[in-house]
PDB file of all heavy atoms in Angstrom:
ATOM      1  N   ASP A   1      10.831  27.030   1.140  1.00  0.00           N
ATOM      2  CA  ASP A   1       9.647  26.986   0.273  1.00  0.00           C
ATOM      3  C   ASP A   1      10.047  26.767  -1.183  1.00  0.00           C
ATOM      4  O   ASP A   1       9.434  25.957  -1.895  1.00  0.00           O
ATOM      5  CB  ASP A   1       8.881  28.302   0.423  1.00  0.00           C
ATOM      6  CG  ASP A   1       7.647  28.353  -0.462  1.00  0.00           C
ATOM      7  OD1 ASP A   1       6.743  27.531  -0.266  1.00  0.00           O
ATOM      8  OD2 ASP A   1       7.605  29.228  -1.351  1.00  0.00           O
ATOM      9  N   LYS A   2      11.091  27.520  -1.593  1.00  0.00           N
ATOM     10  CA  LYS A   2      11.503  27.383  -2.991  1.00  0.00           C
ATOM     11  C   LYS A   2      12.230  26.062  -3.235  1.00  0.00           C
ATOM     12  O   LYS A   2      12.040  25.415  -4.269  1.00  0.00           O
ATOM     13  CB  LYS A   2      12.427  28.547  -3.373  1.00  0.00           C
ATOM     14  CG  LYS A   2      11.709  29.878  -3.496  1.00  0.00           C
ATOM     15  CD  LYS A   2      12.681  30.969  -3.925  1.00  0.00           C
ATOM     16  CE  LYS A   2      11.965  32.290  -4.135  1.00  0.00           C
ATOM     17  NZ  LYS A   2      12.898  33.375  -4.555  1.00  0.00           N
ATOM     18  N   GLY A   3      13.113  25.675  -2.281  1.00  0.00           N
ATOM     19  CA  GLY A   3      13.941  24.498  -2.499  1.00  0.00           C
ATOM     20  C   GLY A   3      13.214  23.181  -2.342  1.00  0.00           C
ATOM     21  O   GLY A   3      13.529  22.202  -3.033  1.00  0.00           O
ATOM     22  N   LEU A   4      12.261  23.058  -1.448  1.00  0.00           N
ATOM     23  CA  LEU A   4      11.617  21.779  -1.185  1.00  0.00           C
ATOM     24  C   LEU A   4      10.160  21.760  -1.622  1.00  0.00           C
ATOM     25  O   LEU A   4       9.760  20.946  -2.470  1.00  0.00           O
ATOM     26  CB  LEU A   4      11.714  21.449   0.301  1.00  0.00           C
ATOM     27  CG  LEU A   4      11.074  20.109   0.720  1.00  0.00           C
ATOM     28  CD1 LEU A   4      11.787  18.948   0.023  1.00  0.00           C
ATOM     29  CD2 LEU A   4      11.173  19.951   2.244  1.00  0.00           C
ATOM     30  N   ILE A   5       9.378  22.682  -1.083  1.00  0.00           N
ATOM     31  CA  ILE A   5       7.945  22.653  -1.366  1.00  0.00           C
ATOM     32  C   ILE A   5       7.674  22.896  -2.845  1.00  0.00           C
ATOM     33  O   ILE A   5       6.989  22.111  -3.509  1.00  0.00           O
ATOM     34  CB  ILE A   5       7.211  23.696  -0.502  1.00  0.00           C
ATOM     35  CG1 ILE A   5       7.479  23.455   0.992  1.00  0.00           C
ATOM     36  CG2 ILE A   5       5.715  23.643  -0.797  1.00  0.00           C
ATOM     37  CD1 ILE A   5       7.018  22.108   1.476  1.00  0.00           C
ATOM     38  N   ASP A   6       8.259  24.008  -3.344  1.00  0.00           N
ATOM     39  CA  ASP A   6       8.027  24.323  -4.757  1.00  0.00           C
ATOM     40  C   ASP A   6       8.595  23.248  -5.670  1.00  0.00           C
ATOM     41  O   ASP A   6       7.981  22.891  -6.694  1.00  0.00           O
ATOM     42  CB  ASP A   6       8.655  25.672  -5.114  1.00  0.00           C
ATOM     43  CG  ASP A   6       7.870  26.830  -4.505  1.00  0.00           C
ATOM     44  OD1 ASP A   6       6.799  26.569  -3.916  1.00  0.00           O
ATOM     45  OD2 ASP A   6       8.324  27.991  -4.613  1.00  0.00           O
ATOM     46  N   ALA A   7       9.804  22.716  -5.298  1.00  0.00           N
ATOM     47  CA  ALA A   7      10.406  21.658  -6.133  1.00  0.00           C
ATOM     48  C   ALA A   7       9.533  20.412  -6.154  1.00  0.00           C
ATOM     49  O   ALA A   7       9.328  19.790  -7.211  1.00  0.00           O
ATOM     50  CB  ALA A   7      11.803  21.325  -5.604  1.00  0.00           C
ATOM     51  N   THR A   8       9.005  20.018  -4.992  1.00  0.00           N
ATOM     52  CA  THR A   8       8.133  18.841  -4.924  1.00  0.00           C
ATOM     53  C   THR A   8       6.862  19.037  -5.735  1.00  0.00           C
ATOM     54  O   THR A   8       6.460  18.160  -6.534  1.00  0.00           O
ATOM     55  CB  THR A   8       7.778  18.535  -3.464  1.00  0.00           C
ATOM     56  OG1 THR A   8       8.985  18.325  -2.724  1.00  0.00           O
ATOM     57  CG2 THR A   8       6.897  17.299  -3.367  1.00  0.00           C
ATOM     58  N   VAL A   9       6.232  20.171  -5.508  1.00  0.00           N
ATOM     59  CA  VAL A   9       4.991  20.438  -6.234  1.00  0.00           C
ATOM     60  C   VAL A   9       5.240  20.506  -7.733  1.00  0.00           C
ATOM     61  O   VAL A   9       4.485  19.927  -8.535  1.00  0.00           O
ATOM     62  CB  VAL A   9       4.368  21.757  -5.726  1.00  0.00           C
ATOM     63  CG1 VAL A   9       3.186  22.169  -6.596  1.00  0.00           C
ATOM     64  CG2 VAL A   9       3.911  21.602  -4.291  1.00  0.00           C
ATOM     65  N   ASN A  10       6.315  21.200  -8.105  1.00  0.00           N
ATOM     66  CA  ASN A  10       6.620  21.312  -9.536  1.00  0.00           C
ATOM     67  C   ASN A  10       6.961  19.961 -10.135  1.00  0.00           C
ATOM     68  O   ASN A  10       6.592  19.649 -11.281  1.00  0.00           O
ATOM     69  CB  ASN A  10       7.773  22.290  -9.755  1.00  0.00           C
ATOM     70  CG  ASN A  10       7.374  23.721  -9.436  1.00  0.00           C
ATOM     71  OD1 ASN A  10       6.190  24.062  -9.476  1.00  0.00           O
ATOM     72  ND2 ASN A  10       8.360  24.573  -9.110  1.00  0.00           N
ATOM     73  N   GLY A  11       7.690  19.115  -9.329  1.00  0.00           N
ATOM     74  CA  GLY A  11       8.031  17.775  -9.827  1.00  0.00           C
ATOM     75  C   GLY A  11       6.789  16.928 -10.041  1.00  0.00           C
ATOM     76  O   GLY A  11       6.666  16.233 -11.074  1.00  0.00           O
ATOM     77  N   ILE A  12       5.887  16.924  -9.074  1.00  0.00           N
ATOM     78  CA  ILE A  12       4.653  16.143  -9.226  1.00  0.00           C
ATOM     79  C   ILE A  12       3.844  16.653 -10.413  1.00  0.00           C
ATOM     80  O   ILE A  12       3.274  15.875 -11.194  1.00  0.00           O
ATOM     81  CB  ILE A  12       3.827  16.217  -7.933  1.00  0.00           C
ATOM     82  CG1 ILE A  12       4.580  15.488  -6.803  1.00  0.00           C
ATOM     83  CG2 ILE A  12       2.437  15.622  -8.128  1.00  0.00           C
ATOM     84  CD1 ILE A  12       3.919  15.653  -5.446  1.00  0.00           C
ATOM     85  N   ALA A  13       3.817  17.998 -10.543  1.00  0.00           N
ATOM     86  CA  ALA A  13       3.054  18.564 -11.662  1.00  0.00           C
ATOM     87  C   ALA A  13       3.654  18.137 -12.997  1.00  0.00           C
ATOM     88  O   ALA A  13       2.928  17.787 -13.946  1.00  0.00           O
ATOM     89  CB  ALA A  13       3.037  20.079 -11.535  1.00  0.00           C
ATOM     90  N   ASN A  14       5.008  18.187 -13.067  1.00  0.00           N
ATOM     91  CA  ASN A  14       5.654  17.787 -14.320  1.00  0.00           C
ATOM     92  C   ASN A  14       5.434  16.306 -14.612  1.00  0.00           C
ATOM     93  O   ASN A  14       5.195  15.899 -15.766  1.00  0.00           O
ATOM     94  CB  ASN A  14       7.157  18.086 -14.258  1.00  0.00           C
ATOM     95  CG  ASN A  14       7.435  19.582 -14.267  1.00  0.00           C
ATOM     96  OD1 ASN A  14       6.665  20.350 -14.848  1.00  0.00           O
ATOM     97  ND2 ASN A  14       8.539  20.001 -13.630  1.00  0.00           N
ATOM     98  N   LEU A  15       5.516  15.465 -13.549  1.00  0.00           N
ATOM     99  CA  LEU A  15       5.273  14.032 -13.713  1.00  0.00           C
ATOM    100  C   LEU A  15       3.861  13.761 -14.188  1.00  0.00           C
ATOM    101  O   LEU A  15       3.630  12.946 -15.094  1.00  0.00           O
ATOM    102  CB  LEU A  15       5.540  13.304 -12.391  1.00  0.00           C
ATOM    103  CG  LEU A  15       5.277  11.789 -12.396  1.00  0.00           C
ATOM    104  CD1 LEU A  15       6.220  11.079 -13.396  1.00  0.00           C
ATOM    105  CD2 LEU A  15       5.483  11.217 -10.989  1.00  0.00           C
ATOM    106  N   THR A  16       2.917  14.472 -13.575  1.00  0.00           N
ATOM    107  CA  THR A  16       1.513  14.303 -13.978  1.00  0.00           C
ATOM    108  C   THR A  16       1.312  14.733 -15.431  1.00  0.00           C
ATOM    109  O   THR A  16       0.607  14.090 -16.209  1.00  0.00           O
ATOM    110  CB  THR A  16       0.604  15.118 -13.072  1.00  0.00           C
ATOM    111  OG1 THR A  16       0.813  14.710 -11.710  1.00  0.00           O
ATOM    112  CG2 THR A  16      -0.857  14.936 -13.425  1.00  0.00           C
ATOM    113  N   ARG A  17       1.965  15.856 -15.782  1.00  0.00           N
ATOM    114  CA  ARG A  17       1.814  16.345 -17.162  1.00  0.00           C
ATOM    115  C   ARG A  17       2.396  15.357 -18.166  1.00  0.00           C
ATOM    116  O   ARG A  17       1.791  15.049 -19.189  1.00  0.00           O
ATOM    117  CB  ARG A  17       2.511  17.698 -17.275  1.00  0.00           C
ATOM    118  CG  ARG A  17       2.427  18.326 -18.659  1.00  0.00           C
ATOM    119  CD  ARG A  17       2.997  19.736 -18.619  1.00  0.00           C
ATOM    120  NE  ARG A  17       4.370  19.737 -18.144  1.00  0.00           N
ATOM    121  CZ  ARG A  17       5.432  19.442 -18.927  1.00  0.00           C
ATOM    122  NH1 ARG A  17       5.267  19.093 -20.183  1.00  0.00           N
ATOM    123  NH2 ARG A  17       6.635  19.483 -18.415  1.00  0.00           N
ATOM    124  N   ARG A  18       3.610  14.822 -17.835  1.00  0.00           N
ATOM    125  CA  ARG A  18       4.233  13.865 -18.761  1.00  0.00           C
ATOM    126  C   ARG A  18       3.441  12.574 -18.842  1.00  0.00           C
ATOM    127  O   ARG A  18       3.277  11.975 -19.915  1.00  0.00           O
ATOM    128  CB  ARG A  18       5.674  13.587 -18.323  1.00  0.00           C
ATOM    129  CG  ARG A  18       6.616  14.763 -18.583  1.00  0.00           C
ATOM    130  CD  ARG A  18       8.069  14.317 -18.472  1.00  0.00           C
ATOM    131  NE  ARG A  18       8.386  13.902 -17.112  1.00  0.00           N
ATOM    132  CZ  ARG A  18       8.895  14.731 -16.190  1.00  0.00           C
ATOM    133  NH1 ARG A  18       9.108  16.007 -16.491  1.00  0.00           N
ATOM    134  NH2 ARG A  18       9.167  14.289 -14.986  1.00  0.00           N
ATOM    135  N   SER A  19       2.927  12.131 -17.662  1.00  0.00           N
ATOM    136  CA  SER A  19       2.104  10.911 -17.647  1.00  0.00           C
ATOM    137  C   SER A  19       0.857  11.103 -18.496  1.00  0.00           C
ATOM    138  O   SER A  19       0.426  10.213 -19.235  1.00  0.00           O
ATOM    139  CB  SER A  19       1.716  10.548 -16.216  1.00  0.00           C
ATOM    140  OG  SER A  19       2.870  10.288 -15.448  1.00  0.00           O
ATOM    141  N   GLY A  20       0.282  12.284 -18.383  1.00  0.00           N
ATOM    142  CA  GLY A  20      -0.904  12.571 -19.184  1.00  0.00           C
ATOM    143  C   GLY A  20      -0.591  12.554 -20.662  1.00  0.00           C
ATOM    144  O   GLY A  20      -1.403  12.086 -21.475  1.00  0.00           O
ATOM    145  N   GLN A  21       0.586  13.116 -20.999  1.00  0.00           N
ATOM    146  CA  GLN A  21       0.967  13.099 -22.403  1.00  0.00           C
ATOM    147  C   GLN A  21       1.152  11.662 -22.897  1.00  0.00           C
ATOM    148  O   GLN A  21       0.756  11.315 -24.023  1.00  0.00           O
ATOM    149  CB  GLN A  21       2.250  13.912 -22.588  1.00  0.00           C
ATOM    150  CG  GLN A  21       2.041  15.414 -22.400  1.00  0.00           C
ATOM    151  CD  GLN A  21       3.342  16.178 -22.482  1.00  0.00           C
ATOM    152  OE1 GLN A  21       4.432  15.573 -22.463  1.00  0.00           O
ATOM    153  NE2 GLN A  21       3.241  17.515 -22.552  1.00  0.00           N
ATOM    154  N   ARG A  22       1.776  10.779 -22.031  1.00  0.00           N
ATOM    155  CA  ARG A  22       1.980   9.378 -22.418  1.00  0.00           C
ATOM    156  C   ARG A  22       0.627   8.681 -22.588  1.00  0.00           C
ATOM    157  O   ARG A  22       0.415   7.921 -23.544  1.00  0.00           O
ATOM    158  CB  ARG A  22       2.798   8.644 -21.359  1.00  0.00           C
ATOM    159  CG  ARG A  22       4.228   9.158 -21.220  1.00  0.00           C
ATOM    160  CD  ARG A  22       5.036   8.901 -22.474  1.00  0.00           C
ATOM    161  NE  ARG A  22       6.420   9.342 -22.329  1.00  0.00           N
ATOM    162  CZ  ARG A  22       7.318   9.321 -23.324  1.00  0.00           C
ATOM    163  NH1 ARG A  22       6.950   8.890 -24.540  1.00  0.00           N
ATOM    164  NH2 ARG A  22       8.552   9.723 -23.114  1.00  0.00           N
ATOM    165  N   LEU A  23      -0.274   8.931 -21.656  1.00  0.00           N
ATOM    166  CA  LEU A  23      -1.596   8.319 -21.760  1.00  0.00           C
ATOM    167  C   LEU A  23      -2.339   8.806 -22.997  1.00  0.00           C
ATOM    168  O   LEU A  23      -3.077   8.056 -23.635  1.00  0.00           O
ATOM    169  CB  LEU A  23      -2.408   8.631 -20.496  1.00  0.00           C
ATOM    170  CG  LEU A  23      -1.945   7.928 -19.216  1.00  0.00           C
ATOM    171  CD1 LEU A  23      -2.745   8.448 -18.021  1.00  0.00           C
ATOM    172  CD2 LEU A  23      -2.112   6.402 -19.344  1.00  0.00           C
ATOM    173  N   ARG A  24      -2.132  10.074 -23.297  1.00  0.00           N
ATOM    174  CA  ARG A  24      -2.775  10.620 -24.486  1.00  0.00           C
ATOM    175  C   ARG A  24      -2.274   9.916 -25.752  1.00  0.00           C
ATOM    176  O   ARG A  24      -3.028   9.669 -26.692  1.00  0.00           O
ATOM    177  CB  ARG A  24      -2.496  12.112 -24.568  1.00  0.00           C
ATOM    178  CG  ARG A  24      -3.196  12.804 -25.730  1.00  0.00           C
ATOM    179  CD  ARG A  24      -2.871  14.269 -25.701  1.00  0.00           C
ATOM    180  NE  ARG A  24      -3.550  14.951 -26.819  1.00  0.00           N
ATOM    181  CZ  ARG A  24      -3.400  16.240 -27.116  1.00  0.00           C
ATOM    182  NH1 ARG A  24      -2.586  16.979 -26.355  1.00  0.00           N
ATOM    183  NH2 ARG A  24      -4.039  16.769 -28.141  1.00  0.00           N
ATOM    184  N   GLN A  25      -0.947   9.586 -25.743  1.00  0.00           N
ATOM    185  CA  GLN A  25      -0.392   8.884 -26.899  1.00  0.00           C
ATOM    186  C   GLN A  25      -0.957   7.483 -27.032  1.00  0.00           C
ATOM    187  O   GLN A  25      -1.052   6.931 -28.123  1.00  0.00           O
ATOM    188  CB  GLN A  25       1.140   8.814 -26.780  1.00  0.00           C
ATOM    189  CG  GLN A  25       1.809  10.197 -26.905  1.00  0.00           C
ATOM    190  CD  GLN A  25       3.300  10.126 -26.677  1.00  0.00           C
ATOM    191  OE1 GLN A  25       3.842   9.039 -26.363  1.00  0.00           O
ATOM    192  NE2 GLN A  25       3.965  11.277 -26.813  1.00  0.00           N
ATOM    193  N   LEU A  26      -1.337   6.882 -25.848  1.00  0.00           N
ATOM    194  CA  LEU A  26      -1.910   5.536 -25.880  1.00  0.00           C
ATOM    195  C   LEU A  26      -3.321   5.510 -26.448  1.00  0.00           C
ATOM    196  O   LEU A  26      -3.829   4.454 -26.829  1.00  0.00           O
ATOM    197  CB  LEU A  26      -1.920   4.936 -24.469  1.00  0.00           C
ATOM    198  CG  LEU A  26      -0.536   4.641 -23.864  1.00  0.00           C
ATOM    199  CD1 LEU A  26      -0.684   4.163 -22.438  1.00  0.00           C
ATOM    200  CD2 LEU A  26       0.212   3.593 -24.705  1.00  0.00           C
ATOM    201  N   GLN A  27      -3.937   6.680 -26.465  1.00  0.00           N
ATOM    202  CA  GLN A  27      -5.312   6.748 -26.994  1.00  0.00           C
ATOM    203  C   GLN A  27      -5.263   6.790 -28.532  1.00  0.00           C
ATOM    204  O   GLN A  27      -5.499   7.806 -29.171  1.00  0.00           O
ATOM    205  CB  GLN A  27      -6.039   7.968 -26.435  1.00  0.00           C
ATOM    206  CG  GLN A  27      -6.246   7.900 -24.933  1.00  0.00           C
ATOM    207  CD  GLN A  27      -6.885   9.146 -24.391  1.00  0.00           C
ATOM    208  OE1 GLN A  27      -7.081  10.100 -25.137  1.00  0.00           O
ATOM    209  NE2 GLN A  27      -7.200   9.132 -23.106  1.00  0.00           N
ATOM    210  N   SER A  28      -4.919   5.578 -29.118  1.00  0.00           N
ATOM    211  CA  SER A  28      -4.772   5.492 -30.576  1.00  0.00           C
ATOM    212  C   SER A  28      -6.066   5.157 -31.286  1.00  0.00           C
ATOM    213  O   SER A  28      -6.165   5.297 -32.509  1.00  0.00           O
ATOM    214  CB  SER A  28      -3.711   4.434 -30.936  1.00  0.00           C
ATOM    215  OG  SER A  28      -4.129   3.168 -30.438  1.00  0.00           O
ATOM    216  N   GLY A  29      -7.058   4.662 -30.530  1.00  0.00           N
ATOM    217  CA  GLY A  29      -8.331   4.244 -31.148  1.00  0.00           C
ATOM    218  C   GLY A  29      -8.325   2.803 -31.631  1.00  0.00           C
ATOM    219  O   GLY A  29      -9.324   2.324 -32.166  1.00  0.00           O
ATOM    220  N   ILE A  30      -7.203   2.042 -31.428  1.00  0.00           N
ATOM    221  CA  ILE A  30      -7.110   0.628 -31.878  1.00  0.00           C
ATOM    222  C   ILE A  30      -7.452  -0.253 -30.695  1.00  0.00           C
ATOM    223  O   ILE A  30      -6.846  -0.132 -29.628  1.00  0.00           O
ATOM    224  CB  ILE A  30      -5.695   0.315 -32.389  1.00  0.00           C
ATOM    225  CG1 ILE A  30      -5.346   1.258 -33.566  1.00  0.00           C
ATOM    226  CG2 ILE A  30      -5.583  -1.146 -32.794  1.00  0.00           C
ATOM    227  CD1 ILE A  30      -3.918   1.127 -34.061  1.00  0.00           C
ATOM    228  N   ILE A  31      -8.408  -1.162 -30.878  1.00  0.00           N
ATOM    229  CA  ILE A  31      -8.910  -2.007 -29.777  1.00  0.00           C
ATOM    230  C   ILE A  31      -7.804  -2.908 -29.262  1.00  0.00           C
ATOM    231  O   ILE A  31      -7.701  -3.159 -28.051  1.00  0.00           O
ATOM    232  CB  ILE A  31     -10.128  -2.847 -30.249  1.00  0.00           C
ATOM    233  CG1 ILE A  31     -11.275  -1.886 -30.605  1.00  0.00           C
ATOM    234  CG2 ILE A  31     -10.566  -3.840 -29.188  1.00  0.00           C
ATOM    235  CD1 ILE A  31     -12.509  -2.618 -31.156  1.00  0.00           C
ATOM    236  N   ASN A  32      -6.960  -3.381 -30.103  1.00  0.00           N
ATOM    237  CA  ASN A  32      -5.885  -4.288 -29.664  1.00  0.00           C
ATOM    238  C   ASN A  32      -4.963  -3.597 -28.660  1.00  0.00           C
ATOM    239  O   ASN A  32      -4.498  -4.200 -27.687  1.00  0.00           O
ATOM    240  CB  ASN A  32      -5.068  -4.768 -30.869  1.00  0.00           C
ATOM    241  CG  ASN A  32      -5.906  -5.682 -31.786  1.00  0.00           C
ATOM    242  OD1 ASN A  32      -6.892  -6.286 -31.331  1.00  0.00           O
ATOM    243  ND2 ASN A  32      -5.524  -5.789 -33.057  1.00  0.00           N
ATOM    244  N   HIS A  33      -4.703  -2.336 -28.931  1.00  0.00           N
ATOM    245  CA  HIS A  33      -3.837  -1.595 -27.995  1.00  0.00           C
ATOM    246  C   HIS A  33      -4.495  -1.441 -26.630  1.00  0.00           C
ATOM    247  O   HIS A  33      -3.845  -1.559 -25.591  1.00  0.00           O
ATOM    248  CB  HIS A  33      -3.526  -0.206 -28.569  1.00  0.00           C
ATOM    249  CG  HIS A  33      -2.628  -0.255 -29.776  1.00  0.00           C
ATOM    250  ND1 HIS A  33      -2.307   0.861 -30.545  1.00  0.00           N
ATOM    251  CD2 HIS A  33      -1.958  -1.310 -30.363  1.00  0.00           C
ATOM    252  CE1 HIS A  33      -1.514   0.499 -31.556  1.00  0.00           C
ATOM    253  NE2 HIS A  33      -1.304  -0.831 -31.460  1.00  0.00           N
ATOM    254  N   TYR A  34      -5.818  -1.140 -26.640  1.00  0.00           N
ATOM    255  CA  TYR A  34      -6.547  -0.977 -25.373  1.00  0.00           C
ATOM    256  C   TYR A  34      -6.578  -2.289 -24.606  1.00  0.00           C
ATOM    257  O   TYR A  34      -6.434  -2.302 -23.373  1.00  0.00           O
ATOM    258  CB  TYR A  34      -7.967  -0.502 -25.638  1.00  0.00           C
ATOM    259  CG  TYR A  34      -8.063   0.926 -26.165  1.00  0.00           C
ATOM    260  CD1 TYR A  34      -9.164   1.336 -26.890  1.00  0.00           C
ATOM    261  CD2 TYR A  34      -7.040   1.821 -25.919  1.00  0.00           C
ATOM    262  CE1 TYR A  34      -9.249   2.630 -27.387  1.00  0.00           C
ATOM    263  CE2 TYR A  34      -7.114   3.106 -26.406  1.00  0.00           C
ATOM    264  CZ  TYR A  34      -8.211   3.528 -27.144  1.00  0.00           C
ATOM    265  OH  TYR A  34      -8.301   4.791 -27.613  1.00  0.00           O
ATOM    266  N   ALA A  35      -6.789  -3.379 -25.316  1.00  0.00           N
ATOM    267  CA  ALA A  35      -6.834  -4.691 -24.676  1.00  0.00           C
ATOM    268  C   ALA A  35      -5.489  -5.019 -24.041  1.00  0.00           C
ATOM    269  O   ALA A  35      -5.410  -5.529 -22.916  1.00  0.00           O
ATOM    270  CB  ALA A  35      -7.226  -5.777 -25.689  1.00  0.00           C
ATOM    271  N   LEU A  36      -4.407  -4.726 -24.797  1.00  0.00           N
ATOM    272  CA  LEU A  36      -3.066  -4.969 -24.269  1.00  0.00           C
ATOM    273  C   LEU A  36      -2.822  -4.134 -23.021  1.00  0.00           C
ATOM    274  O   LEU A  36      -2.258  -4.619 -22.043  1.00  0.00           O
ATOM    275  CB  LEU A  36      -2.028  -4.657 -25.346  1.00  0.00           C
ATOM    276  CG  LEU A  36      -0.559  -4.826 -24.929  1.00  0.00           C
ATOM    277  CD1 LEU A  36      -0.284  -6.296 -24.524  1.00  0.00           C
ATOM    278  CD2 LEU A  36       0.372  -4.409 -26.062  1.00  0.00           C
ATOM    279  N   ALA A  37      -3.253  -2.876 -23.081  1.00  0.00           N
ATOM    280  CA  ALA A  37      -3.064  -2.002 -21.929  1.00  0.00           C
ATOM    281  C   ALA A  37      -3.824  -2.520 -20.723  1.00  0.00           C
ATOM    282  O   ALA A  37      -3.342  -2.464 -19.576  1.00  0.00           O
ATOM    283  CB  ALA A  37      -3.525  -0.581 -22.277  1.00  0.00           C
ATOM    284  N   MET A  38      -5.034  -3.031 -20.943  1.00  0.00           N
ATOM    285  CA  MET A  38      -5.827  -3.554 -19.830  1.00  0.00           C
ATOM    286  C   MET A  38      -5.170  -4.779 -19.236  1.00  0.00           C
ATOM    287  O   MET A  38      -5.135  -4.937 -18.016  1.00  0.00           O
ATOM    288  CB  MET A  38      -7.242  -3.892 -20.311  1.00  0.00           C
ATOM    289  CG  MET A  38      -8.062  -2.658 -20.688  1.00  0.00           C
ATOM    290  SD  MET A  38      -9.687  -3.079 -21.377  1.00  0.00           S
ATOM    291  CE  MET A  38     -10.431  -3.882 -19.997  1.00  0.00           C
ATOM    292  N   VAL A  39      -4.643  -5.644 -20.094  1.00  0.00           N
ATOM    293  CA  VAL A  39      -3.979  -6.852 -19.594  1.00  0.00           C
ATOM    294  C   VAL A  39      -2.751  -6.463 -18.777  1.00  0.00           C
ATOM    295  O   VAL A  39      -2.502  -6.986 -17.681  1.00  0.00           O
ATOM    296  CB  VAL A  39      -3.576  -7.773 -20.773  1.00  0.00           C
ATOM    297  CG1 VAL A  39      -2.680  -8.911 -20.293  1.00  0.00           C
ATOM    298  CG2 VAL A  39      -4.816  -8.324 -21.437  1.00  0.00           C
TER     299      VAL A  39
END
């Protein structure tokens, strides 16, 4: 449980948290950035 299940869950949680932080940084309010991201 500690070695596999908890590690997997914690890894996904950390990845999600970091991804969220990266996405939050992308929210600059500049339309050009949003357009680039969409492309």
